[in-house]
């Protein structure tokens, strides 16, 4: 899988702020969301309600690994 594009101002979890928009690599897709690698040594969960503006039952309808 491709490595995420890293930002120089986000190196650790403590650097994350509410409302930030980051690019990352989807590592795993589950019914209620997707785990995304944004380069801070721990994948983050994107809830299914935040994946797309359209209604989707599960996250597989809005994203895929890689």
Protein backbone atom coordinates (compact mmCIF):
# COMPACT_ATOMS: atom_id res chain seq x y z
CA UNK A 1 0.00 0.00 0.00
CA UNK A 2 1.21 3.52 -0.65
CA UNK A 3 2.59 5.58 2.20
CA UNK A 4 0.51 8.61 3.19
CA UNK A 5 1.53 12.10 2.12
CA UNK A 6 2.91 13.62 5.30
CA UNK A 7 2.53 17.19 6.46
CA UNK A 8 5.42 18.82 8.26
CA UNK A 9 3.13 20.30 10.94
CA UNK A 10 1.45 16.97 11.86
CA UNK A 11 3.98 14.51 13.24
CA UNK A 12 2.21 13.16 16.35
CA UNK A 13 -1.34 12.67 17.59
CA UNK A 14 -1.03 15.78 19.77
CA UNK A 15 -0.50 17.91 16.62
CA UNK A 16 -4.00 17.06 15.35
CA UNK A 17 -6.69 19.71 15.75
CA UNK A 18 -10.44 19.44 15.35
CA UNK A 19 -11.57 20.33 11.84
CA UNK A 20 -8.25 19.56 10.14
CA UNK A 21 -8.49 18.04 6.67
CA UNK A 22 -5.70 15.55 5.96
CA UNK A 23 -4.81 13.15 3.17
CA UNK A 24 -4.16 9.54 4.06
CA UNK A 25 -4.21 5.94 2.96
CA UNK A 26 -7.20 3.72 3.79
CA UNK A 27 -5.81 0.69 5.61
CA UNK A 28 -9.01 -1.13 6.54
CA UNK A 29 -12.71 -0.74 5.76
CA UNK A 30 -15.32 -1.94 8.26
CA UNK A 31 -19.11 -1.58 8.49
CA UNK A 32 -19.03 1.59 10.60
CA UNK A 33 -16.08 3.37 9.00
CA UNK A 34 -12.54 3.20 7.68
CA UNK A 35 -9.15 3.24 9.35
CA UNK A 36 -6.86 5.75 7.65
CA UNK A 37 -3.09 6.10 7.99
CA UNK A 38 -2.23 9.80 8.12
CA UNK A 39 1.37 9.26 9.17
CA UNK A 40 1.21 9.74 12.94
CA UNK A 41 2.05 6.14 13.93
CA UNK A 42 -1.59 5.27 14.68
CA UNK A 43 -4.43 4.91 12.18
CA UNK A 44 -7.45 7.14 12.65
CA UNK A 45 -11.08 6.11 12.31
CA UNK A 46 -13.28 7.98 9.84
CA UNK A 47 -16.90 7.27 10.73
CA UNK A 48 -19.19 6.11 7.91
CA UNK A 49 -21.23 9.32 8.26
CA UNK A 50 -18.12 11.38 7.42
CA UNK A 51 -16.94 9.44 4.35
CA UNK A 52 -19.27 11.02 1.80
CA UNK A 53 -22.05 13.59 1.57
CA UNK A 54 -24.43 10.93 0.19
CA UNK A 55 -26.17 8.33 2.35
CA UNK A 56 -24.40 4.98 2.44
CA UNK A 57 -25.30 1.99 4.62
CA UNK A 58 -21.73 0.82 5.12
CA UNK A 59 -18.34 2.36 4.46
CA UNK A 60 -17.65 -0.08 1.63
CA UNK A 61 -20.03 2.03 -0.45
CA UNK A 62 -17.81 5.09 -0.10
CA UNK A 63 -14.18 3.94 0.02
CA UNK A 64 -11.79 1.08 -0.50
CA UNK A 65 -8.37 0.03 0.79
CA UNK A 66 -5.31 1.70 -0.67
